Amino acid sequence: MKTIKKFKWWLLGLLTLIVVLVGFFLPIPYYIEMPGGAYDIRSVLNVDGQTDEEDGSYNFVAVTVRQATPIQVLAAWLTPYTEVSSAEATTGGVSNEDYWRISQFYMETSQNSAISEALSLAGEEVELNYLGVYVLSLAEDSTFKDVLNLADTVTGVNGETFSSSKDLIDYVGALKIGDDVTVQYTTSGQKKSASGKIIKLENGKNGIGIGLVDHTEIETAHSINFSTDGVGGPSAGLMFTLSIYDQLIDEDLRKGRVIAGTGTIEKGGAVGDIGGAGLKVVSAHKAGAEIFFVPNNPIEKEMKKYYPKGNNYQEALAVAKELNTDMKIVPVTNVKDAVDYLRKNP
């Protein structure tokens, strides 16, 4: 009888240990997002080899995203300004590796866009060098599906190089279904090639079955370098643009202020929407920012049900009120709005 009781306690202890281990360490298809800090852009950006020693700072803000365990989900529900979302909503259903590769792609493109827009604001000409096409998606029936990775750069097809993505699309579109095709590409900095076949695409045209966008590089007389290893996403575009622009002109827009903000940067200086606006307000507040720039784009009527917190500005303003912060929440739709605000409110 004693042996049976000891066995039951041993079994109970083992089951308890298994439950604890599962609770703390088993990844589940949910992600946790929380404030990730605010960072002085001077720590990741250098313009023309100069040291920016003016008072104040431009700061980009981050959201920490990580795959959750059951215990972490429970803790997140009990922690203010911590959000839980499904894997599909967070990563689009791709693997963690592909999600990170795409995040790095968006960071790189945001840097190029920031350089381009800052140069344009400063009245300088902008030239783009075409490097190839980024792989943004792969069709299920593409013969390159298990070969190319998201965010790889296709540099040529059958030894042919191109000056735009349109030229590449036209070239493969002129080939016949079933034709052998060799693709030249770079992945993680390495040059490679792979062979496959031409397939019929969903749009009825012939191709290799990849979703793509131009991979370009800014050509400028200025030396503008980023070091953002470990940081992904496009939402620092606005703040990168302001920081670069301020160093290209004979004017100090910061005037000693700690300035934070978020928003993608698009052609013509338009500021695009981002995720986690409220969480980024928390990061900026903790860093002591005095100004926080945030996108203020309208939400289409039919899309409002997907945005219960309102647009980025409304979400940021609500969190700022909850925090009772003195930080000024400034809505913008274009980088010029932010520049004008800094000039008019010294």
Protein backbone atom coordinates (compact mmCIF):
# COMPACT_ATOMS: atom_id res chain seq x y z
CA MET A 1 0.00 0.00 0.00
CA LYS A 2 2.83 2.40 0.90
CA THR A 3 4.51 1.57 -2.40
CA ILE A 4 1.33 2.53 -4.31
CA LYS A 5 1.06 5.85 -2.40
CA LYS A 6 4.70 6.65 -3.10
CA PHE A 7 4.13 5.83 -6.77
CA LYS A 8 1.10 8.17 -6.88
CA TRP A 9 3.08 11.03 -5.33
CA TRP A 10 5.96 10.38 -7.71
CA LEU A 11 3.58 10.36 -10.68
CA LEU A 12 1.85 13.53 -9.44
CA GLY A 13 5.23 15.23 -9.07
CA LEU A 14 6.24 14.20 -12.58
CA LEU A 15 2.97 15.46 -14.06
CA THR A 16 3.34 18.73 -12.17
CA LEU A 17 6.88 19.15 -13.49
CA ILE A 18 5.70 18.48 -17.05
CA VAL A 19 2.88 21.05 -16.70
CA VAL A 20 5.33 23.65 -15.35
CA LEU A 21 7.84 23.01 -18.13
CA VAL A 22 5.12 23.22 -20.77
CA GLY A 23 3.74 26.39 -19.22
CA PHE A 24 7.10 28.14 -19.12
CA PHE A 25 8.90 26.85 -22.19
CA LEU A 26 6.49 25.47 -24.83
CA PRO A 27 6.05 28.03 -27.67
CA ILE A 28 2.42 28.43 -28.75
CA PRO A 29 0.96 30.17 -31.85
CA TYR A 30 0.60 33.51 -30.09
CA TYR A 31 2.88 36.52 -29.83
CA ILE A 32 3.38 39.12 -27.13
CA GLU A 33 4.00 42.77 -27.95
CA MET A 34 5.24 45.27 -25.35
CA PRO A 35 7.07 48.60 -25.22
CA GLY A 36 10.64 48.04 -26.38
CA GLY A 37 12.39 51.30 -25.62
CA ALA A 38 13.40 54.53 -27.36
CA TYR A 39 16.82 54.88 -28.99
CA ASP A 40 18.88 57.92 -29.96
CA ILE A 41 19.28 57.69 -33.73
CA ARG A 42 22.88 58.89 -33.43
CA SER A 43 23.67 55.44 -32.04
CA VAL A 44 22.76 53.81 -35.38
CA LEU A 45 23.31 56.60 -37.95
CA ASN A 46 26.30 58.57 -39.18
CA VAL A 47 26.18 61.32 -41.82
CA ASP A 48 29.37 62.34 -43.67
CA GLY A 49 31.56 60.93 -40.91
CA GLN A 50 30.63 63.80 -38.60
CA THR A 51 29.68 63.57 -34.93
CA ASP A 52 26.31 65.16 -34.15
CA GLU A 53 27.01 66.92 -30.86
CA GLU A 54 24.00 69.26 -30.77
CA ASP A 55 21.86 69.06 -27.63
CA GLY A 56 18.70 66.99 -27.60
CA SER A 57 18.06 63.92 -29.71
CA TYR A 58 15.89 62.28 -32.35
CA ASN A 59 14.68 58.90 -31.14
CA PHE A 60 13.05 55.97 -32.86
CA VAL A 61 10.84 53.80 -30.68
CA ALA A 62 10.50 50.05 -30.75
CA VAL A 63 8.00 47.37 -29.83
CA THR A 64 9.35 44.07 -28.52
CA VAL A 65 7.71 41.09 -30.24
CA ARG A 66 8.28 37.51 -29.13
CA GLN A 67 6.55 34.18 -29.45
CA ALA A 68 4.72 33.34 -26.25
CA THR A 69 4.47 30.42 -23.87
CA PRO A 70 1.25 29.71 -21.91
CA ILE A 71 2.62 31.35 -18.75
CA GLN A 72 3.73 34.43 -20.70
CA VAL A 73 0.27 34.82 -22.22
CA LEU A 74 -1.27 34.70 -18.75
CA ALA A 75 1.24 37.26 -17.48
CA ALA A 76 0.63 39.50 -20.50
CA TRP A 77 -3.11 39.64 -19.81
CA LEU A 78 -2.29 40.88 -16.31
CA THR A 79 0.36 43.41 -17.41
CA PRO A 80 -0.60 46.93 -18.59
CA TYR A 81 0.42 47.91 -22.11
CA THR A 82 1.19 44.36 -23.15
CA GLU A 83 -0.75 42.86 -26.04
CA VAL A 84 -1.32 39.28 -27.20
CA SER A 85 -2.03 38.44 -30.84
CA SER A 86 -2.23 35.30 -32.93
CA ALA A 87 0.64 34.09 -35.08
CA GLU A 88 -1.42 34.75 -38.20
CA ALA A 89 -2.08 38.36 -37.17
CA THR A 90 1.54 38.98 -36.21
CA THR A 91 3.61 37.17 -38.83
CA GLY A 92 1.09 36.52 -41.57
CA GLY A 93 1.54 32.81 -41.00
CA VAL A 94 5.20 32.66 -42.10
CA SER A 95 7.96 31.07 -40.04
CA ASN A 96 9.82 33.08 -37.39
CA GLU A 97 12.88 33.08 -39.66
CA ASP A 98 10.96 34.46 -42.65
CA TYR A 99 9.20 36.98 -40.42
CA TRP A 100 12.57 38.30 -39.28
CA ARG A 101 13.93 38.38 -42.83
CA ILE A 102 10.93 40.45 -43.95
CA SER A 103 11.35 42.75 -40.92
CA GLN A 104 14.96 43.36 -41.90
CA PHE A 105 13.87 44.03 -45.50
CA TYR A 106 11.43 46.66 -44.26
CA MET A 107 14.15 48.24 -42.10
CA GLU A 108 16.51 48.45 -45.09
CA THR A 109 13.88 49.95 -47.38
CA SER A 110 12.87 52.46 -44.69
CA GLN A 111 16.49 53.61 -44.49
CA ASN A 112 16.71 54.06 -48.27
CA SER A 113 13.41 55.94 -48.31
CA ALA A 114 14.58 58.15 -45.44
CA ILE A 115 17.81 59.03 -47.25
CA SER A 116 15.90 59.78 -50.44
CA GLU A 117 13.31 62.01 -48.76
CA ALA A 118 15.87 63.82 -46.60
CA LEU A 119 17.97 64.64 -49.67
CA SER A 120 14.88 65.86 -51.52
CA LEU A 121 13.86 68.05 -48.58
CA ALA A 122 17.36 69.53 -48.56
CA GLY A 123 17.01 70.40 -52.25
CA GLU A 124 19.46 67.80 -53.50
CA GLU A 125 18.99 65.47 -56.45
CA VAL A 126 18.33 61.81 -55.78
CA GLU A 127 19.51 58.96 -58.00
CA LEU A 128 18.58 55.31 -57.57
CA ASN A 129 20.71 52.33 -58.55
CA TYR A 130 18.70 49.22 -59.41
CA LEU A 131 20.18 46.14 -57.68
CA GLY A 132 17.51 43.56 -58.51
CA VAL A 133 14.17 42.55 -57.03
CA TYR A 134 13.31 41.53 -53.50
CA VAL A 135 11.37 38.28 -53.12
CA LEU A 136 8.26 39.14 -51.07
CA SER A 137 6.25 35.97 -51.67
CA LEU A 138 6.43 32.61 -53.40
CA ALA A 139 3.50 30.89 -55.11
CA GLU A 140 2.67 27.42 -53.81
CA ASP A 141 3.33 25.90 -57.24
CA SER A 142 6.54 27.84 -57.90
CA THR A 143 9.48 25.53 -58.57
CA PHE A 144 11.57 27.98 -56.54
CA LYS A 145 9.37 27.76 -53.42
CA ASP A 146 11.80 25.71 -51.34
CA VAL A 147 14.87 27.36 -52.88
CA LEU A 148 14.42 31.13 -52.67
CA ASN A 149 13.76 32.76 -49.32
CA LEU A 150 11.66 35.80 -48.54
CA ALA A 151 13.77 38.98 -48.83
CA ASP A 152 16.34 37.35 -51.13
CA THR A 153 17.36 39.56 -54.05
CA VAL A 154 17.00 38.18 -57.58
CA THR A 155 19.76 39.80 -59.64
CA GLY A 156 19.31 38.03 -62.98
CA VAL A 157 17.56 35.34 -65.00
CA ASN A 158 19.36 33.02 -67.41
CA GLY A 159 22.43 35.24 -67.06
CA GLU A 160 20.47 38.30 -68.19
CA THR A 161 20.43 41.41 -65.96
CA PHE A 162 17.75 44.08 -65.92
CA SER A 163 17.28 47.77 -65.12
CA SER A 164 13.84 47.39 -63.48
CA SER A 165 11.46 44.77 -62.14
CA LYS A 166 9.24 45.39 -65.18
CA ASP A 167 12.06 44.31 -67.50
CA LEU A 168 12.52 41.12 -65.50
CA ILE A 169 8.78 40.38 -65.53
CA ASP A 170 8.58 41.01 -69.29
CA TYR A 171 11.55 38.69 -69.90
CA VAL A 172 10.20 35.69 -67.97
CA GLY A 173 6.69 36.39 -69.29
CA ALA A 174 7.95 35.85 -72.85
CA LEU A 175 9.23 32.36 -72.00
CA LYS A 176 7.02 29.28 -72.47
CA ILE A 177 5.38 27.24 -69.71
CA GLY A 178 7.72 24.41 -68.74
CA ASP A 179 10.84 26.14 -70.05
CA ASP A 180 13.93 25.62 -67.92
CA VAL A 181 15.08 28.81 -66.25
CA THR A 182 18.05 29.68 -64.05
CA VAL A 183 17.79 32.46 -61.48
CA GLN A 184 20.76 34.35 -60.07
CA TYR A 185 20.18 35.71 -56.57
CA THR A 186 21.79 36.79 -53.31
CA THR A 187 20.81 35.42 -49.93
CA SER A 188 22.35 36.50 -46.63
CA GLY A 189 25.07 38.28 -48.60
CA GLN A 190 26.01 35.21 -50.67
CA LYS A 191 25.66 34.97 -54.46
CA LYS A 192 23.87 31.84 -55.67
CA SER A 193 21.93 30.43 -58.60
CA ALA A 194 19.07 27.95 -58.85
CA SER A 195 17.20 26.22 -61.65
CA GLY A 196 13.46 25.81 -62.08
CA LYS A 197 10.69 26.12 -64.63
CA ILE A 198 8.28 28.69 -65.99
CA ILE A 199 4.73 28.26 -64.67
CA LYS A 200 1.32 29.77 -65.37
CA LEU A 201 0.59 32.49 -62.78
CA GLU A 202 -2.78 33.29 -61.21
CA ASN A 203 -3.05 36.39 -63.40
CA GLY A 204 -2.79 34.20 -66.49
CA LYS A 205 0.73 35.28 -67.40
CA ASN A 206 3.88 33.18 -67.47
CA GLY A 207 6.50 33.63 -64.76
CA ILE A 208 8.54 32.00 -62.00
CA GLY A 209 5.96 32.54 -59.26
CA ILE A 210 7.48 35.18 -57.01
CA GLY A 211 5.98 38.38 -55.62
CA LEU A 212 8.58 41.10 -55.98
CA VAL A 213 9.51 44.75 -55.51
CA ASP A 214 12.50 46.74 -56.71
CA HIS A 215 15.68 46.56 -54.63
CA THR A 216 17.35 49.93 -55.11
CA GLU A 217 20.22 51.82 -53.54
CA ILE A 218 20.54 55.60 -53.17
CA GLU A 219 23.46 57.18 -55.04
CA THR A 220 24.63 60.36 -53.31
CA ALA A 221 27.80 62.32 -52.68
CA HIS A 222 27.03 62.11 -48.97
CA SER A 223 28.18 59.21 -46.80
CA ILE A 224 25.07 58.10 -44.90
CA ASN A 225 25.49 54.87 -42.99
CA PHE A 226 23.22 52.88 -40.67
CA SER A 227 24.09 50.14 -38.20
CA THR A 228 20.77 48.63 -37.14
CA ASP A 229 21.64 44.97 -36.57
CA GLY A 230 18.93 43.31 -34.51
CA VAL A 231 16.29 45.91 -35.38
CA GLY A 232 13.57 45.34 -37.97
CA GLY A 233 10.48 46.93 -39.43
CA PRO A 234 9.71 50.14 -41.36
CA SER A 235 8.30 52.35 -38.59
CA ALA A 236 11.47 54.37 -37.94
CA GLY A 237 11.34 55.91 -41.42
CA LEU A 238 9.97 59.29 -40.32
CA MET A 239 12.51 59.77 -37.53
CA PHE A 240 15.41 58.62 -39.74
CA THR A 241 14.36 61.23 -42.29
CA LEU A 242 14.25 64.04 -39.72
CA SER A 243 17.64 63.10 -38.29
CA ILE A 244 19.35 62.96 -41.70
CA TYR A 245 17.70 66.17 -42.90
CA ASP A 246 18.72 68.07 -39.78
CA GLN A 247 22.36 67.12 -40.45
CA LEU A 248 22.23 68.13 -44.12
CA ILE A 249 21.01 71.70 -43.53
CA ASP A 250 22.60 74.71 -41.82
CA GLU A 251 19.96 74.80 -39.12
CA ASP A 252 19.34 73.11 -35.79
CA LEU A 253 15.73 71.90 -35.77
CA ARG A 254 16.07 69.97 -32.49
CA LYS A 255 16.99 73.00 -30.39
CA GLY A 256 17.93 70.80 -27.44
CA ARG A 257 14.68 68.84 -27.38
CA VAL A 258 14.26 65.08 -26.92
CA ILE A 259 12.08 64.18 -29.90
CA ALA A 260 10.57 60.76 -30.54
CA GLY A 261 8.16 59.50 -33.13
CA THR A 262 6.99 56.74 -35.40
CA GLY A 263 5.70 56.27 -38.93
CA THR A 264 6.88 54.84 -42.22
CA ILE A 265 8.22 57.21 -44.86
CA GLU A 266 6.77 56.98 -48.35
CA LYS A 267 7.49 58.66 -51.68
CA GLY A 268 6.91 62.39 -51.48
CA GLY A 269 7.42 62.37 -47.71
CA ALA A 270 4.04 60.84 -46.81
CA VAL A 271 4.02 59.29 -43.34
CA GLY A 272 2.43 55.84 -43.32
CA ASP A 273 0.63 54.01 -40.53
CA ILE A 274 2.36 51.64 -38.13
CA GLY A 275 1.38 49.04 -35.53
CA GLY A 276 1.58 49.43 -31.77
CA ALA A 277 1.22 53.23 -31.63
CA GLY A 278 0.12 53.12 -27.99
CA LEU A 279 3.00 50.86 -26.95
CA LYS A 280 5.45 53.23 -28.63
CA VAL A 281 4.01 56.16 -26.67
CA VAL A 282 4.86 54.25 -23.49
CA SER A 283 8.45 53.76 -24.72
CA ALA A 284 8.83 57.45 -25.59
CA HIS A 285 7.32 58.55 -22.26
CA LYS A 286 9.73 56.35 -20.29
CA ALA A 287 12.64 57.84 -22.26
CA GLY A 288 11.62 61.38 -21.29
CA ALA A 289 10.65 62.54 -24.78
CA GLU A 290 9.08 65.99 -25.02
CA ILE A 291 7.54 65.53 -28.48
CA PHE A 292 6.06 62.44 -30.11
CA PHE A 293 5.24 62.49 -33.83
CA VAL A 294 2.62 59.98 -34.94
CA PRO A 295 0.73 59.29 -38.21
CA ASN A 296 -2.75 60.79 -38.46
CA ASN A 297 -4.19 59.16 -41.55
CA PRO A 298 -7.95 58.62 -41.90
CA ILE A 299 -9.39 55.11 -41.70
CA GLU A 300 -11.71 54.09 -44.49
CA LYS A 301 -15.28 53.65 -43.28
CA GLU A 302 -15.45 49.96 -44.14
CA MET A 303 -12.17 49.35 -42.26
CA LYS A 304 -13.07 51.05 -38.98
CA LYS A 305 -14.31 47.80 -37.40
CA TYR A 306 -10.73 46.50 -37.59
CA TYR A 307 -9.39 49.54 -35.71
CA PRO A 308 -11.28 49.70 -32.39
CA LYS A 309 -8.64 52.06 -30.95
CA GLY A 310 -8.98 54.51 -33.85
CA ASN A 311 -6.14 55.59 -36.12
CA ASN A 312 -2.52 55.85 -34.95
CA TYR A 313 -2.95 59.39 -33.59
CA GLN A 314 -6.15 58.57 -31.69
CA GLU A 315 -4.57 55.46 -30.17
CA ALA A 316 -1.42 57.37 -29.18
CA LEU A 317 -3.38 60.27 -27.69
CA ALA A 318 -5.53 57.94 -25.59
CA VAL A 319 -2.48 56.20 -24.09
CA ALA A 320 -0.76 59.55 -23.46
CA LYS A 321 -3.80 60.65 -21.44
CA GLU A 322 -3.74 57.41 -19.44
CA LEU A 323 -0.07 58.00 -18.64
CA ASN A 324 -0.77 61.63 -17.75
CA THR A 325 2.38 62.54 -19.64
CA ASP A 326 3.57 66.04 -20.47
CA MET A 327 4.85 64.75 -23.80
CA LYS A 328 3.21 66.56 -26.72
CA ILE A 329 1.51 64.15 -29.14
CA VAL A 330 1.85 65.73 -32.60
CA PRO A 331 -0.17 64.31 -35.53
CA VAL A 332 1.49 64.29 -38.96
CA THR A 333 0.68 63.03 -42.43
CA ASN A 334 3.89 64.18 -44.14
CA VAL A 335 7.47 64.71 -42.96
CA LYS A 336 6.98 68.42 -43.81
CA ASP A 337 4.37 68.59 -41.02
CA ALA A 338 7.03 67.51 -38.52
CA VAL A 339 9.62 69.94 -39.90
CA ASP A 340 7.12 72.83 -39.79
CA TYR A 341 6.18 71.97 -36.20
CA LEU A 342 9.81 71.98 -35.07
CA ARG A 343 10.45 75.32 -36.78
CA LYS A 344 7.30 77.01 -35.49
CA ASN A 345 7.58 75.69 -31.92
CA PRO A 346 11.19 76.30 -30.87
